[in-house]
Amino acid sequence: MSKQCCGTSVGVLVFDKARAQMLMIKRGTLPAGIAPVAGHALDEHASYEAAAYAEVAEEIGLTVTGLSRLTAGGHHPGRCRRQGSTGHTWRLYEATVEGDLAPSEREVADVRWYPLSELQALADRTGAWAAGQISGDEFAADPGLEPVWVHWLHALGYVYATAQDRAAIQQLAATPPAQH
């Protein structure tokens, strides 16, 4: 039996020193997509901040050395694979990190630095999936951003999506991942 969803999530953006690249993972579990480190917050953690530290260590094996809360965040209807999921209340952070990458074999299919100039193409691929221009299988084989991250990276100014595209992507995110 899968875990119960706690309805809270944390997301952690990590940039290179030049702020030209973002460290992101290709998810190894549903929902498919490329995303910054993220995970449930108040399920096994005392606070969102504690979850941010733990998720970075768990997913990519790095140690957070500094953490700053970002202005974006709040409720998003994107569902996860856990039971009872109807969306999550998010807090977003930017972190500085140290150590050597050691990605989780279960949660991470790949981890790499993505030039910020590539983020828009990833968001556009997610939009194409939401618009029915590519199938869920095609998206899983060559993913764009995880749907919820189009929302947050748009809110933070790293990608652009029209209101119509954001609505279609949000509807996709609100669909249980097993139905994608």
C-alpha atoms as a PDB file:
ATOM      1  CA  MET A   1       0.000   0.000   0.000  1.00  0.00           C
ATOM      2  CA  SER A   2       1.339   3.441  -0.862  1.00  0.00           C
ATOM      3  CA  LYS A   3       1.828   6.237   1.627  1.00  0.00           C
ATOM      4  CA  GLN A   4      -0.857   8.801   2.354  1.00  0.00           C
ATOM      5  CA  CYS A   5      -0.255  12.250   0.848  1.00  0.00           C
ATOM      6  CA  CYS A   6       0.334  14.950   3.457  1.00  0.00           C
ATOM      7  CA  GLY A   7      -0.666  17.739   1.015  1.00  0.00           C
ATOM      8  CA  THR A   8       2.570  19.689   1.492  1.00  0.00           C
ATOM      9  CA  SER A   9       5.618  19.934  -0.758  1.00  0.00           C
ATOM     10  CA  VAL A  10       8.959  21.655  -0.810  1.00  0.00           C
ATOM     11  CA  GLY A  11      10.969  22.594  -3.894  1.00  0.00           C
ATOM     12  CA  VAL A  12      14.660  23.504  -3.906  1.00  0.00           C
ATOM     13  CA  LEU A  13      16.413  25.401  -6.688  1.00  0.00           C
ATOM     14  CA  VAL A  14      20.188  25.014  -6.917  1.00  0.00           C
ATOM     15  CA  PHE A  15      22.206  27.222  -9.280  1.00  0.00           C
ATOM     16  CA  ASP A  16      25.822  27.099 -10.356  1.00  0.00           C
ATOM     17  CA  LYS A  17      28.094  29.903  -9.150  1.00  0.00           C
ATOM     18  CA  ALA A  18      27.530  31.910 -12.356  1.00  0.00           C
ATOM     19  CA  ARG A  19      23.716  31.517 -12.005  1.00  0.00           C
ATOM     20  CA  ALA A  20      23.641  30.306 -15.609  1.00  0.00           C
ATOM     21  CA  GLN A  21      22.580  26.725 -14.846  1.00  0.00           C
ATOM     22  CA  MET A  22      20.104  24.983 -12.578  1.00  0.00           C
ATOM     23  CA  LEU A  23      20.674  21.519 -11.125  1.00  0.00           C
ATOM     24  CA  MET A  24      17.650  19.367 -11.946  1.00  0.00           C
ATOM     25  CA  ILE A  25      16.671  15.733 -12.006  1.00  0.00           C
ATOM     26  CA  LYS A  26      14.860  13.573 -14.491  1.00  0.00           C
ATOM     27  CA  ARG A  27      12.358  11.916 -12.204  1.00  0.00           C
ATOM     28  CA  GLY A  28      12.639   8.159 -11.753  1.00  0.00           C
ATOM     29  CA  THR A  29       9.112   7.927 -10.305  1.00  0.00           C
ATOM     30  CA  LEU A  30       5.740   9.335 -11.317  1.00  0.00           C
ATOM     31  CA  PRO A  31       4.891  11.996 -12.256  1.00  0.00           C
ATOM     32  CA  ALA A  32       7.286  12.062 -15.202  1.00  0.00           C
ATOM     33  CA  GLY A  33       9.364  15.121 -15.936  1.00  0.00           C
ATOM     34  CA  ILE A  34      12.449  17.154 -15.259  1.00  0.00           C
ATOM     35  CA  ALA A  35      12.406  19.150 -12.047  1.00  0.00           C
ATOM     36  CA  PRO A  36      14.427  20.749  -9.303  1.00  0.00           C
ATOM     37  CA  VAL A  37      14.702  18.687  -6.130  1.00  0.00           C
ATOM     38  CA  ALA A  38      11.297  18.424  -4.476  1.00  0.00           C
ATOM     39  CA  GLY A  39       9.357  16.240  -2.110  1.00  0.00           C
ATOM     40  CA  HIS A  40       6.725  16.006   0.541  1.00  0.00           C
ATOM     41  CA  ALA A  41       7.367  18.361   3.409  1.00  0.00           C
ATOM     42  CA  LEU A  42       5.340  17.822   6.553  1.00  0.00           C
ATOM     43  CA  ASP A  43       4.969  14.054   6.302  1.00  0.00           C
ATOM     44  CA  GLU A  44       8.203  12.999   7.981  1.00  0.00           C
ATOM     45  CA  HIS A  45       9.802  16.404   8.555  1.00  0.00           C
ATOM     46  CA  ALA A  46       9.294  18.935  11.342  1.00  0.00           C
ATOM     47  CA  SER A  47       9.223  21.902   8.948  1.00  0.00           C
ATOM     48  CA  TYR A  48       9.450  22.901   5.309  1.00  0.00           C
ATOM     49  CA  GLU A  49      13.056  23.938   5.899  1.00  0.00           C
ATOM     50  CA  ALA A  50      13.944  20.550   7.392  1.00  0.00           C
ATOM     51  CA  ALA A  51      12.312  18.904   4.381  1.00  0.00           C
ATOM     52  CA  ALA A  52      14.402  21.030   1.995  1.00  0.00           C
ATOM     53  CA  TYR A  53      17.639  19.896   3.641  1.00  0.00           C
ATOM     54  CA  ALA A  54      16.503  16.269   3.716  1.00  0.00           C
ATOM     55  CA  GLU A  55      15.208  16.121   0.134  1.00  0.00           C
ATOM     56  CA  VAL A  56      18.453  17.516  -1.319  1.00  0.00           C
ATOM     57  CA  ALA A  57      20.436  14.886   0.601  1.00  0.00           C
ATOM     58  CA  GLU A  58      18.001  12.081  -0.254  1.00  0.00           C
ATOM     59  CA  GLU A  59      17.517  12.812  -3.959  1.00  0.00           C
ATOM     60  CA  ILE A  60      20.970  13.987  -5.070  1.00  0.00           C
ATOM     61  CA  GLY A  61      23.311  13.312  -2.154  1.00  0.00           C
ATOM     62  CA  LEU A  62      24.404  16.915  -1.605  1.00  0.00           C
ATOM     63  CA  THR A  63      24.542  18.862   1.663  1.00  0.00           C
ATOM     64  CA  VAL A  64      22.681  22.169   1.868  1.00  0.00           C
ATOM     65  CA  THR A  65      24.968  24.900   3.215  1.00  0.00           C
ATOM     66  CA  GLY A  66      22.560  27.812   2.786  1.00  0.00           C
ATOM     67  CA  LEU A  67      18.815  28.113   2.279  1.00  0.00           C
ATOM     68  CA  SER A  68      16.696  31.126   1.255  1.00  0.00           C
ATOM     69  CA  ARG A  69      12.931  31.098   0.903  1.00  0.00           C
ATOM     70  CA  LEU A  70      11.618  32.314  -2.455  1.00  0.00           C
ATOM     71  CA  THR A  71       8.563  34.522  -2.951  1.00  0.00           C
ATOM     72  CA  ALA A  72       6.641  31.986  -5.057  1.00  0.00           C
ATOM     73  CA  GLY A  73       4.724  29.218  -3.378  1.00  0.00           C
ATOM     74  CA  GLY A  74       1.268  28.332  -2.138  1.00  0.00           C
ATOM     75  CA  HIS A  75      -1.348  25.812  -3.156  1.00  0.00           C
ATOM     76  CA  HIS A  76      -1.154  24.018  -6.503  1.00  0.00           C
ATOM     77  CA  PRO A  77      -3.608  21.263  -7.523  1.00  0.00           C
ATOM     78  CA  GLY A  78      -0.862  19.028  -8.935  1.00  0.00           C
ATOM     79  CA  ARG A  79      -1.236  15.489  -7.679  1.00  0.00           C
ATOM     80  CA  CYS A  80       1.397  12.989  -6.682  1.00  0.00           C
ATOM     81  CA  ARG A  81       1.266   9.196  -6.753  1.00  0.00           C
ATOM     82  CA  ARG A  82       0.378   8.903  -3.046  1.00  0.00           C
ATOM     83  CA  GLN A  83      -3.084   8.015  -1.800  1.00  0.00           C
ATOM     84  CA  GLY A  84      -5.438  10.915  -1.127  1.00  0.00           C
ATOM     85  CA  SER A  85      -3.488  13.402  -3.235  1.00  0.00           C
ATOM     86  CA  THR A  86      -5.559  16.413  -4.303  1.00  0.00           C
ATOM     87  CA  GLY A  87      -2.749  18.946  -4.577  1.00  0.00           C
ATOM     88  CA  HIS A  88      -0.051  20.431  -2.376  1.00  0.00           C
ATOM     89  CA  THR A  89       0.808  23.573  -0.480  1.00  0.00           C
ATOM     90  CA  TRP A  90       4.321  24.426  -1.655  1.00  0.00           C
ATOM     91  CA  ARG A  91       7.237  26.369  -0.230  1.00  0.00           C
ATOM     92  CA  LEU A  92      10.115  27.077  -2.556  1.00  0.00           C
ATOM     93  CA  TYR A  93      13.729  27.705  -1.633  1.00  0.00           C
ATOM     94  CA  GLU A  94      17.051  28.457  -3.241  1.00  0.00           C
ATOM     95  CA  ALA A  95      19.943  26.497  -1.767  1.00  0.00           C
ATOM     96  CA  THR A  96      23.699  26.520  -1.862  1.00  0.00           C
ATOM     97  CA  VAL A  97      25.165  23.043  -1.657  1.00  0.00           C
ATOM     98  CA  GLU A  98      28.398  21.126  -1.304  1.00  0.00           C
ATOM     99  CA  GLY A  99      29.539  17.565  -1.817  1.00  0.00           C
ATOM    100  CA  ASP A 100      29.525  15.082  -4.647  1.00  0.00           C
ATOM    101  CA  LEU A 101      26.409  14.136  -6.555  1.00  0.00           C
ATOM    102  CA  ALA A 102      25.036  10.777  -5.424  1.00  0.00           C
ATOM    103  CA  PRO A 103      21.539  10.514  -6.926  1.00  0.00           C
ATOM    104  CA  SER A 104      18.896   8.234  -5.459  1.00  0.00           C
ATOM    105  CA  GLU A 105      18.634   5.116  -7.614  1.00  0.00           C
ATOM    106  CA  ARG A 106      14.881   4.915  -6.969  1.00  0.00           C
ATOM    107  CA  GLU A 107      13.848   8.539  -7.390  1.00  0.00           C
ATOM    108  CA  VAL A 108      16.303   9.915  -9.939  1.00  0.00           C
ATOM    109  CA  ALA A 109      16.773   8.643 -13.501  1.00  0.00           C
ATOM    110  CA  ASP A 110      19.349  11.370 -14.239  1.00  0.00           C
ATOM    111  CA  VAL A 111      20.715  14.545 -12.674  1.00  0.00           C
ATOM    112  CA  ARG A 112      22.537  17.314 -14.481  1.00  0.00           C
ATOM    113  CA  TRP A 113      23.053  21.036 -14.800  1.00  0.00           C
ATOM    114  CA  TYR A 114      20.544  22.589 -17.222  1.00  0.00           C
ATOM    115  CA  PRO A 115      21.465  25.926 -18.788  1.00  0.00           C
ATOM    116  CA  LEU A 116      18.729  28.435 -17.948  1.00  0.00           C
ATOM    117  CA  SER A 117      18.475  29.012 -21.706  1.00  0.00           C
ATOM    118  CA  GLU A 118      17.139  25.415 -22.070  1.00  0.00           C
ATOM    119  CA  LEU A 119      14.322  25.739 -19.539  1.00  0.00           C
ATOM    120  CA  GLN A 120      11.894  27.330 -22.002  1.00  0.00           C
ATOM    121  CA  ALA A 121      12.178  24.391 -24.421  1.00  0.00           C
ATOM    122  CA  LEU A 122      11.437  22.021 -21.518  1.00  0.00           C
ATOM    123  CA  ALA A 123       8.377  24.085 -20.559  1.00  0.00           C
ATOM    124  CA  ASP A 124       7.221  24.125 -24.192  1.00  0.00           C
ATOM    125  CA  ARG A 125       7.464  20.315 -24.366  1.00  0.00           C
ATOM    126  CA  THR A 126       5.231  20.065 -21.300  1.00  0.00           C
ATOM    127  CA  GLY A 127       2.799  22.453 -22.996  1.00  0.00           C
ATOM    128  CA  ALA A 128       2.791  20.238 -26.096  1.00  0.00           C
ATOM    129  CA  TRP A 129       1.908  17.235 -23.935  1.00  0.00           C
ATOM    130  CA  ALA A 130      -0.892  19.140 -22.182  1.00  0.00           C
ATOM    131  CA  ALA A 131      -2.237  20.252 -25.584  1.00  0.00           C
ATOM    132  CA  GLY A 132      -2.310  16.656 -26.861  1.00  0.00           C
ATOM    133  CA  GLN A 133       0.444  17.235 -29.412  1.00  0.00           C
ATOM    134  CA  ILE A 134       2.539  14.426 -27.931  1.00  0.00           C
ATOM    135  CA  SER A 135       1.464  11.370 -25.947  1.00  0.00           C
ATOM    136  CA  GLY A 136       2.219  10.621 -22.329  1.00  0.00           C
ATOM    137  CA  ASP A 137       4.527   7.821 -23.487  1.00  0.00           C
ATOM    138  CA  GLU A 138       6.417  10.238 -25.747  1.00  0.00           C
ATOM    139  CA  PHE A 139       6.714  12.699 -22.866  1.00  0.00           C
ATOM    140  CA  ALA A 140       7.963  10.002 -20.494  1.00  0.00           C
ATOM    141  CA  ALA A 141      10.605   8.923 -23.047  1.00  0.00           C
ATOM    142  CA  ASP A 142      11.794  12.506 -23.663  1.00  0.00           C
ATOM    143  CA  PRO A 143      10.333  14.653 -20.889  1.00  0.00           C
ATOM    144  CA  GLY A 144       9.927  18.344 -20.463  1.00  0.00           C
ATOM    145  CA  LEU A 145       9.407  19.997 -17.105  1.00  0.00           C
ATOM    146  CA  GLU A 146       7.252  18.178 -14.581  1.00  0.00           C
ATOM    147  CA  PRO A 147       3.892  19.988 -14.977  1.00  0.00           C
ATOM    148  CA  VAL A 148       3.881  21.660 -11.548  1.00  0.00           C
ATOM    149  CA  TRP A 149       7.318  23.128 -12.296  1.00  0.00           C
ATOM    150  CA  VAL A 150       6.051  24.998 -15.351  1.00  0.00           C
ATOM    151  CA  HIS A 151       3.800  26.841 -12.899  1.00  0.00           C
ATOM    152  CA  TRP A 152       6.531  27.612 -10.357  1.00  0.00           C
ATOM    153  CA  LEU A 153       9.277  28.467 -12.856  1.00  0.00           C
ATOM    154  CA  HIS A 154       6.824  30.754 -14.681  1.00  0.00           C
ATOM    155  CA  ALA A 155       5.962  32.445 -11.375  1.00  0.00           C
ATOM    156  CA  LEU A 156       9.681  32.938 -10.706  1.00  0.00           C
ATOM    157  CA  GLY A 157      10.315  34.317 -14.215  1.00  0.00           C
ATOM    158  CA  TYR A 158      12.513  31.497 -15.580  1.00  0.00           C
ATOM    159  CA  VAL A 159      10.008  30.330 -18.234  1.00  0.00           C
ATOM    160  CA  TYR A 160       6.969  31.792 -19.936  1.00  0.00           C
ATOM    161  CA  ALA A 161       3.672  30.077 -20.654  1.00  0.00           C
ATOM    162  CA  THR A 162       0.465  31.723 -21.806  1.00  0.00           C
ATOM    163  CA  ALA A 163      -2.527  31.661 -19.482  1.00  0.00           C
ATOM    164  CA  GLN A 164      -4.157  29.119 -21.787  1.00  0.00           C
ATOM    165  CA  ASP A 165      -1.088  26.863 -21.723  1.00  0.00           C
ATOM    166  CA  ARG A 166      -0.756  27.194 -17.940  1.00  0.00           C
ATOM    167  CA  ALA A 167      -4.425  26.206 -17.526  1.00  0.00           C
ATOM    168  CA  ALA A 168      -3.961  23.103 -19.712  1.00  0.00           C
ATOM    169  CA  ILE A 169      -0.764  22.154 -17.863  1.00  0.00           C
ATOM    170  CA  GLN A 170      -2.460  22.698 -14.490  1.00  0.00           C
ATOM    171  CA  GLN A 171      -5.333  20.440 -15.574  1.00  0.00           C
ATOM    172  CA  LEU A 172      -2.782  17.783 -16.561  1.00  0.00           C
ATOM    173  CA  ALA A 173      -1.001  18.189 -13.205  1.00  0.00           C
ATOM    174  CA  ALA A 174      -4.309  17.772 -11.363  1.00  0.00           C
ATOM    175  CA  THR A 175      -4.851  14.389 -13.045  1.00  0.00           C
ATOM    176  CA  PRO A 176      -3.524  11.428 -11.017  1.00  0.00           C
ATOM    177  CA  PRO A 177      -0.087  10.522 -12.470  1.00  0.00           C
ATOM    178  CA  ALA A 178      -1.103   6.904 -13.119  1.00  0.00           C
ATOM    179  CA  GLN A 179      -3.689   8.257 -15.607  1.00  0.00           C
ATOM    180  CA  HIS A 180      -1.145  10.192 -17.672  1.00  0.00           C
END
